[in-house]
Amino acid sequence: MSDDFIQQKPGAALRSWALYQMMAGAGWAALFVLSVAAILFAVWGIGLLLPEESKQAPDPNAFLITAPAEVMPA
């Protein structure tokens, strides 16, 4: 992009600015996606380090699951 904005056509300057803004946004989006992927891979890696017994344990949230209420016939 040229530093001499006075001699640059307005349409070209606008296109250059828009392209820069879109590329900067794409860069931030890529950084965010890679950060989320790194966190997920870290959790997956920690899961691989756990002993096999911990993977066979019962669900600690089983008390949250309740049976549906009985329907009384009319």
PDB file of N, CA and C in Angstrom:
ATOM      1  N   MET A   1       0.849  -1.165   0.000  1.00  0.00           N
ATOM      2  CA  MET A   1       0.000   0.000   0.000  1.00  0.00           C
ATOM      3  C   MET A   1       0.895   1.228   0.000  1.00  0.00           C
ATOM      4  N   SER A   2       0.568   2.190  -0.831  1.00  0.00           N
ATOM      5  CA  SER A   2       1.375   3.392  -0.986  1.00  0.00           C
ATOM      6  C   SER A   2       1.189   4.323   0.207  1.00  0.00           C
ATOM      7  N   ASP A   3       2.276   5.036   0.561  1.00  0.00           N
ATOM      8  CA  ASP A   3       2.200   6.015   1.642  1.00  0.00           C
ATOM      9  C   ASP A   3       1.730   7.375   1.150  1.00  0.00           C
ATOM     10  N   ASP A   4       1.665   7.575  -0.151  1.00  0.00           N
ATOM     11  CA  ASP A   4       1.249   8.859  -0.710  1.00  0.00           C
ATOM     12  C   ASP A   4      -0.255   8.800  -0.988  1.00  0.00           C
ATOM     13  N   PHE A   5      -1.060   9.068   0.041  1.00  0.00           N
ATOM     14  CA  PHE A   5      -2.505   8.931  -0.077  1.00  0.00           C
ATOM     15  C   PHE A   5      -3.130  10.041  -0.912  1.00  0.00           C
ATOM     16  N   ILE A   6      -2.457  11.171  -1.046  1.00  0.00           N
ATOM     17  CA  ILE A   6      -3.038  12.297  -1.788  1.00  0.00           C
ATOM     18  C   ILE A   6      -3.134  11.961  -3.268  1.00  0.00           C
ATOM     19  N   GLN A   7      -2.138  11.272  -3.802  1.00  0.00           N
ATOM     20  CA  GLN A   7      -2.142  10.957  -5.223  1.00  0.00           C
ATOM     21  C   GLN A   7      -2.846   9.630  -5.523  1.00  0.00           C
ATOM     22  N   GLN A   8      -3.233   8.916  -4.503  1.00  0.00           N
ATOM     23  CA  GLN A   8      -3.913   7.641  -4.715  1.00  0.00           C
ATOM     24  C   GLN A   8      -5.391   7.894  -4.995  1.00  0.00           C
ATOM     25  N   LYS A   9      -5.954   7.123  -5.903  1.00  0.00           N
ATOM     26  CA  LYS A   9      -7.372   7.281  -6.231  1.00  0.00           C
ATOM     27  C   LYS A   9      -8.207   6.869  -5.020  1.00  0.00           C
ATOM     28  N   PRO A  10      -9.337   7.551  -4.776  1.00  0.00           N
ATOM     29  CA  PRO A  10     -10.164   7.227  -3.602  1.00  0.00           C
ATOM     30  C   PRO A  10     -10.661   5.781  -3.611  1.00  0.00           C
ATOM     31  N   GLY A  11     -11.044   5.252  -4.769  1.00  0.00           N
ATOM     32  CA  GLY A  11     -11.531   3.877  -4.841  1.00  0.00           C
ATOM     33  C   GLY A  11     -10.442   2.876  -4.471  1.00  0.00           C
ATOM     34  N   ALA A  12      -9.216   3.115  -4.924  1.00  0.00           N
ATOM     35  CA  ALA A  12      -8.110   2.208  -4.615  1.00  0.00           C
ATOM     36  C   ALA A  12      -7.762   2.277  -3.133  1.00  0.00           C
ATOM     37  N   ALA A  13      -7.810   3.476  -2.569  1.00  0.00           N
ATOM     38  CA  ALA A  13      -7.513   3.621  -1.141  1.00  0.00           C
ATOM     39  C   ALA A  13      -8.568   2.897  -0.305  1.00  0.00           C
ATOM     40  N   LEU A  14      -9.826   3.003  -0.698  1.00  0.00           N
ATOM     41  CA  LEU A  14     -10.896   2.328   0.030  1.00  0.00           C
ATOM     42  C   LEU A  14     -10.756   0.812  -0.072  1.00  0.00           C
ATOM     43  N   ARG A  15     -10.413   0.309  -1.266  1.00  0.00           N
ATOM     44  CA  ARG A  15     -10.223  -1.128  -1.438  1.00  0.00           C
ATOM     45  C   ARG A  15      -9.038  -1.626  -0.617  1.00  0.00           C
ATOM     46  N   SER A  16      -7.974  -0.868  -0.571  1.00  0.00           N
ATOM     47  CA  SER A  16      -6.810  -1.260   0.221  1.00  0.00           C
ATOM     48  C   SER A  16      -7.154  -1.297   1.707  1.00  0.00           C
ATOM     49  N   TRP A  17      -7.879  -0.280   2.166  1.00  0.00           N
ATOM     50  CA  TRP A  17      -8.268  -0.249   3.575  1.00  0.00           C
ATOM     51  C   TRP A  17      -9.193  -1.411   3.914  1.00  0.00           C
ATOM     52  N   ALA A  18     -10.181  -1.687   3.042  1.00  0.00           N
ATOM     53  CA  ALA A  18     -11.125  -2.782   3.288  1.00  0.00           C
ATOM     54  C   ALA A  18     -10.401  -4.123   3.299  1.00  0.00           C
ATOM     55  N   LEU A  19      -9.469  -4.314   2.370  1.00  0.00           N
ATOM     56  CA  LEU A  19      -8.712  -5.562   2.329  1.00  0.00           C
ATOM     57  C   LEU A  19      -7.888  -5.726   3.607  1.00  0.00           C
ATOM     58  N   TYR A  20      -7.267  -4.644   4.062  1.00  0.00           N
ATOM     59  CA  TYR A  20      -6.490  -4.721   5.304  1.00  0.00           C
ATOM     60  C   TYR A  20      -7.381  -5.073   6.488  1.00  0.00           C
ATOM     61  N   GLN A  21      -8.551  -4.464   6.562  1.00  0.00           N
ATOM     62  CA  GLN A  21      -9.466  -4.748   7.666  1.00  0.00           C
ATOM     63  C   GLN A  21      -9.931  -6.204   7.645  1.00  0.00           C
ATOM     64  N   MET A  22     -10.235  -6.719   6.463  1.00  0.00           N
ATOM     65  CA  MET A  22     -10.679  -8.114   6.357  1.00  0.00           C
ATOM     66  C   MET A  22      -9.546  -9.077   6.712  1.00  0.00           C
ATOM     67  N   MET A  23      -8.340  -8.781   6.280  1.00  0.00           N
ATOM     68  CA  MET A  23      -7.203  -9.657   6.597  1.00  0.00           C
ATOM     69  C   MET A  23      -6.880  -9.607   8.090  1.00  0.00           C
ATOM     70  N   ALA A  24      -6.999  -8.437   8.696  1.00  0.00           N
ATOM     71  CA  ALA A  24      -6.763  -8.335  10.137  1.00  0.00           C
ATOM     72  C   ALA A  24      -7.828  -9.123  10.901  1.00  0.00           C
ATOM     73  N   GLY A  25      -9.080  -9.037  10.480  1.00  0.00           N
ATOM     74  CA  GLY A  25     -10.153  -9.803  11.115  1.00  0.00           C
ATOM     75  C   GLY A  25      -9.943 -11.301  10.950  1.00  0.00           C
ATOM     76  N   ALA A  26      -9.503 -11.715   9.782  1.00  0.00           N
ATOM     77  CA  ALA A  26      -9.234 -13.135   9.550  1.00  0.00           C
ATOM     78  C   ALA A  26      -8.070 -13.606  10.432  1.00  0.00           C
ATOM     79  N   GLY A  27      -7.094 -12.746  10.630  1.00  0.00           N
ATOM     80  CA  GLY A  27      -5.974 -13.096  11.506  1.00  0.00           C
ATOM     81  C   GLY A  27      -6.418 -13.284  12.950  1.00  0.00           C
ATOM     82  N   TRP A  28      -7.259 -12.373  13.432  1.00  0.00           N
ATOM     83  CA  TRP A  28      -7.773 -12.510  14.807  1.00  0.00           C
ATOM     84  C   TRP A  28      -8.640 -13.760  14.945  1.00  0.00           C
ATOM     85  N   ALA A  29      -9.451 -14.053  13.931  1.00  0.00           N
ATOM     86  CA  ALA A  29     -10.293 -15.253  13.972  1.00  0.00           C
ATOM     87  C   ALA A  29      -9.428 -16.511  13.981  1.00  0.00           C
ATOM     88  N   ALA A  30      -8.373 -16.526  13.178  1.00  0.00           N
ATOM     89  CA  ALA A  30      -7.469 -17.680  13.158  1.00  0.00           C
ATOM     90  C   ALA A  30      -6.781 -17.854  14.507  1.00  0.00           C
ATOM     91  N   LEU A  31      -6.392 -16.755  15.119  1.00  0.00           N
ATOM     92  CA  LEU A  31      -5.761 -16.830  16.442  1.00  0.00           C
ATOM     93  C   LEU A  31      -6.730 -17.393  17.475  1.00  0.00           C
ATOM     94  N   PHE A  32      -7.980 -16.979  17.417  1.00  0.00           N
ATOM     95  CA  PHE A  32      -8.991 -17.476  18.347  1.00  0.00           C
ATOM     96  C   PHE A  32      -9.238 -18.971  18.146  1.00  0.00           C
ATOM     97  N   VAL A  33      -9.382 -19.397  16.888  1.00  0.00           N
ATOM     98  CA  VAL A  33      -9.634 -20.816  16.594  1.00  0.00           C
ATOM     99  C   VAL A  33      -8.454 -21.667  17.034  1.00  0.00           C
ATOM    100  N   LEU A  34      -7.248 -21.211  16.786  1.00  0.00           N
ATOM    101  CA  LEU A  34      -6.062 -21.971  17.202  1.00  0.00           C
ATOM    102  C   LEU A  34      -5.952 -22.028  18.724  1.00  0.00           C
ATOM    103  N   SER A  35      -6.361 -20.975  19.409  1.00  0.00           N
ATOM    104  CA  SER A  35      -6.339 -20.984  20.875  1.00  0.00           C
ATOM    105  C   SER A  35      -7.338 -21.996  21.430  1.00  0.00           C
ATOM    106  N   VAL A  36      -8.533 -22.029  20.870  1.00  0.00           N
ATOM    107  CA  VAL A  36      -9.536 -23.001  21.311  1.00  0.00           C
ATOM    108  C   VAL A  36      -9.057 -24.419  21.023  1.00  0.00           C
ATOM    109  N   ALA A  37      -8.452 -24.632  19.855  1.00  0.00           N
ATOM    110  CA  ALA A  37      -7.932 -25.958  19.511  1.00  0.00           C
ATOM    111  C   ALA A  37      -6.816 -26.373  20.465  1.00  0.00           C
ATOM    112  N   ALA A  38      -5.949 -25.439  20.845  1.00  0.00           N
ATOM    113  CA  ALA A  38      -4.871 -25.755  21.784  1.00  0.00           C
ATOM    114  C   ALA A  38      -5.424 -26.152  23.153  1.00  0.00           C
ATOM    115  N   ILE A  39      -6.460 -25.466  23.602  1.00  0.00           N
ATOM    116  CA  ILE A  39      -7.077 -25.806  24.897  1.00  0.00           C
ATOM    117  C   ILE A  39      -7.705 -27.196  24.821  1.00  0.00           C
ATOM    118  N   LEU A  40      -8.409 -27.489  23.719  1.00  0.00           N
ATOM    119  CA  LEU A  40      -9.031 -28.806  23.576  1.00  0.00           C
ATOM    120  C   LEU A  40      -7.984 -29.920  23.511  1.00  0.00           C
ATOM    121  N   PHE A  41      -6.890 -29.694  22.801  1.00  0.00           N
ATOM    122  CA  PHE A  41      -5.823 -30.699  22.739  1.00  0.00           C
ATOM    123  C   PHE A  41      -5.165 -30.878  24.104  1.00  0.00           C
ATOM    124  N   ALA A  42      -5.051 -29.806  24.874  1.00  0.00           N
ATOM    125  CA  ALA A  42      -4.479 -29.925  26.215  1.00  0.00           C
ATOM    126  C   ALA A  42      -5.378 -30.777  27.112  1.00  0.00           C
ATOM    127  N   VAL A  43      -6.680 -30.569  27.042  1.00  0.00           N
ATOM    128  CA  VAL A  43      -7.612 -31.375  27.837  1.00  0.00           C
ATOM    129  C   VAL A  43      -7.556 -32.831  27.391  1.00  0.00           C
ATOM    130  N   TRP A  44      -7.492 -33.066  26.089  1.00  0.00           N
ATOM    131  CA  TRP A  44      -7.379 -34.422  25.561  1.00  0.00           C
ATOM    132  C   TRP A  44      -6.088 -35.083  26.034  1.00  0.00           C
ATOM    133  N   GLY A  45      -4.982 -34.343  26.014  1.00  0.00           N
ATOM    134  CA  GLY A  45      -3.698 -34.881  26.475  1.00  0.00           C
ATOM    135  C   GLY A  45      -3.717 -35.217  27.954  1.00  0.00           C
ATOM    136  N   ILE A  46      -4.348 -34.370  28.749  1.00  0.00           N
ATOM    137  CA  ILE A  46      -4.459 -34.663  30.186  1.00  0.00           C
ATOM    138  C   ILE A  46      -5.315 -35.907  30.391  1.00  0.00           C
ATOM    139  N   GLY A  47      -6.350 -36.073  29.574  1.00  0.00           N
ATOM    140  CA  GLY A  47      -7.191 -37.264  29.661  1.00  0.00           C
ATOM    141  C   GLY A  47      -6.417 -38.534  29.354  1.00  0.00           C
ATOM    142  N   LEU A  48      -5.444 -38.440  28.463  1.00  0.00           N
ATOM    143  CA  LEU A  48      -4.617 -39.611  28.155  1.00  0.00           C
ATOM    144  C   LEU A  48      -3.714 -39.990  29.324  1.00  0.00           C
ATOM    145  N   LEU A  49      -3.362 -39.025  30.159  1.00  0.00           N
ATOM    146  CA  LEU A  49      -2.476 -39.292  31.289  1.00  0.00           C
ATOM    147  C   LEU A  49      -3.199 -39.906  32.479  1.00  0.00           C
ATOM    148  N   LEU A  50      -4.536 -39.865  32.488  1.00  0.00           N
ATOM    149  CA  LEU A  50      -5.296 -40.402  33.611  1.00  0.00           C
ATOM    150  C   LEU A  50      -5.208 -41.928  33.625  1.00  0.00           C
ATOM    151  N   PRO A  51      -5.262 -42.524  34.811  1.00  0.00           N
ATOM    152  CA  PRO A  51      -5.243 -43.990  34.871  1.00  0.00           C
ATOM    153  C   PRO A  51      -6.546 -44.572  34.314  1.00  0.00           C
ATOM    154  N   GLU A  52      -6.473 -45.817  33.895  1.00  0.00           N
ATOM    155  CA  GLU A  52      -7.635 -46.478  33.300  1.00  0.00           C
ATOM    156  C   GLU A  52      -8.783 -46.611  34.291  1.00  0.00           C
ATOM    157  N   GLU A  53      -8.477 -46.750  35.585  1.00  0.00           N
ATOM    158  CA  GLU A  53      -9.536 -46.898  36.598  1.00  0.00           C
ATOM    159  C   GLU A  53     -10.430 -45.667  36.656  1.00  0.00           C
ATOM    160  N   SER A  54      -9.857 -44.499  36.436  1.00  0.00           N
ATOM    161  CA  SER A  54     -10.666 -43.280  36.501  1.00  0.00           C
ATOM    162  C   SER A  54     -11.647 -43.203  35.342  1.00  0.00           C
ATOM    163  N   LYS A  55     -11.337 -43.874  34.252  1.00  0.00           N
ATOM    164  CA  LYS A  55     -12.233 -43.851  33.097  1.00  0.00           C
ATOM    165  C   LYS A  55     -13.378 -44.836  33.261  1.00  0.00           C
ATOM    166  N   GLN A  56     -13.248 -45.791  34.197  1.00  0.00           N
ATOM    167  CA  GLN A  56     -14.289 -46.796  34.413  1.00  0.00           C
ATOM    168  C   GLN A  56     -15.181 -46.450  35.606  1.00  0.00           C
ATOM    169  N   ALA A  57     -14.920 -45.351  36.272  1.00  0.00           N
ATOM    170  CA  ALA A  57     -15.683 -44.961  37.459  1.00  0.00           C
ATOM    171  C   ALA A  57     -17.106 -44.558  37.060  1.00  0.00           C
ATOM    172  N   PRO A  58     -18.049 -44.687  37.990  1.00  0.00           N
ATOM    173  CA  PRO A  58     -19.423 -44.268  37.678  1.00  0.00           C
ATOM    174  C   PRO A  58     -19.513 -42.744  37.534  1.00  0.00           C
ATOM    175  N   ASP A  59     -20.531 -42.308  36.864  1.00  0.00           N
ATOM    176  CA  ASP A  59     -20.751 -40.887  36.628  1.00  0.00           C
ATOM    177  C   ASP A  59     -20.999 -40.165  37.952  1.00  0.00           C
ATOM    178  N   PRO A  60     -20.216 -39.115  38.267  1.00  0.00           N
ATOM    179  CA  PRO A  60     -20.431 -38.402  39.525  1.00  0.00           C
ATOM    180  C   PRO A  60     -21.709 -37.561  39.521  1.00  0.00           C
ATOM    181  N   ASN A  61     -22.288 -37.334  38.363  1.00  0.00           N
ATOM    182  CA  ASN A  61     -23.503 -36.524  38.266  1.00  0.00           C
ATOM    183  C   ASN A  61     -24.757 -37.374  38.135  1.00  0.00           C
ATOM    184  N   ALA A  62     -24.669 -38.638  38.502  1.00  0.00           N
ATOM    185  CA  ALA A  62     -25.817 -39.537  38.339  1.00  0.00           C
ATOM    186  C   ALA A  62     -27.004 -39.108  39.197  1.00  0.00           C
ATOM    187  N   PHE A  63     -26.753 -38.427  40.297  1.00  0.00           N
ATOM    188  CA  PHE A  63     -27.866 -37.998  41.157  1.00  0.00           C
ATOM    189  C   PHE A  63     -28.723 -36.936  40.489  1.00  0.00           C
ATOM    190  N   LEU A  64     -28.230 -36.309  39.444  1.00  0.00           N
ATOM    191  CA  LEU A  64     -29.014 -35.288  38.744  1.00  0.00           C
ATOM    192  C   LEU A  64     -30.055 -35.904  37.825  1.00  0.00           C
ATOM    193  N   ILE A  65     -29.849 -37.160  37.452  1.00  0.00           N
ATOM    194  CA  ILE A  65     -30.760 -37.826  36.546  1.00  0.00           C
ATOM    195  C   ILE A  65     -31.913 -38.415  37.376  1.00  0.00           C
ATOM    196  N   THR A  66     -33.098 -37.996  37.073  1.00  0.00           N
ATOM    197  CA  THR A  66     -34.270 -38.487  37.807  1.00  0.00           C
ATOM    198  C   THR A  66     -35.190 -39.191  36.822  1.00  0.00           C
ATOM    199  N   ALA A  67     -35.939 -40.111  37.341  1.00  0.00           N
ATOM    200  CA  ALA A  67     -36.904 -40.834  36.519  1.00  0.00           C
ATOM    201  C   ALA A  67     -38.078 -39.902  36.218  1.00  0.00           C
ATOM    202  N   PRO A  68     -38.698 -40.070  35.069  1.00  0.00           N
ATOM    203  CA  PRO A  68     -39.866 -39.220  34.760  1.00  0.00           C
ATOM    204  C   PRO A  68     -41.010 -39.516  35.730  1.00  0.00           C
ATOM    205  N   ALA A  69     -41.790 -38.523  35.991  1.00  0.00           N
ATOM    206  CA  ALA A  69     -42.929 -38.683  36.906  1.00  0.00           C
ATOM    207  C   ALA A  69     -43.930 -39.643  36.287  1.00  0.00           C
ATOM    208  N   GLU A  70     -44.568 -40.411  37.164  1.00  0.00           N
ATOM    209  CA  GLU A  70     -45.582 -41.355  36.683  1.00  0.00           C
ATOM    210  C   GLU A  70     -46.814 -40.589  36.235  1.00  0.00           C
ATOM    211  N   VAL A  71     -47.350 -41.036  35.128  1.00  0.00           N
ATOM    212  CA  VAL A  71     -48.543 -40.395  34.604  1.00  0.00           C
ATOM    213  C   VAL A  71     -49.756 -41.123  35.170  1.00  0.00           C
ATOM    214  N   MET A  72     -50.621 -40.374  35.791  1.00  0.00           N
ATOM    215  CA  MET A  72     -51.829 -40.956  36.402  1.00  0.00           C
ATOM    216  C   MET A  72     -52.903 -41.054  35.315  1.00  0.00           C
ATOM    217  N   PRO A  73     -53.514 -42.222  35.181  1.00  0.00           N
ATOM    218  CA  PRO A  73     -54.585 -42.339  34.167  1.00  0.00           C
ATOM    219  C   PRO A  73     -55.780 -41.476  34.541  1.00  0.00           C
ATOM    220  N   ALA A  74     -56.406 -40.939  33.520  1.00  0.00           N
ATOM    221  CA  ALA A  74     -57.559 -40.058  33.757  1.00  0.00           C
ATOM    222  C   ALA A  74     -58.820 -40.814  34.029  1.00  0.00           C
TER     223      ALA A  74
END
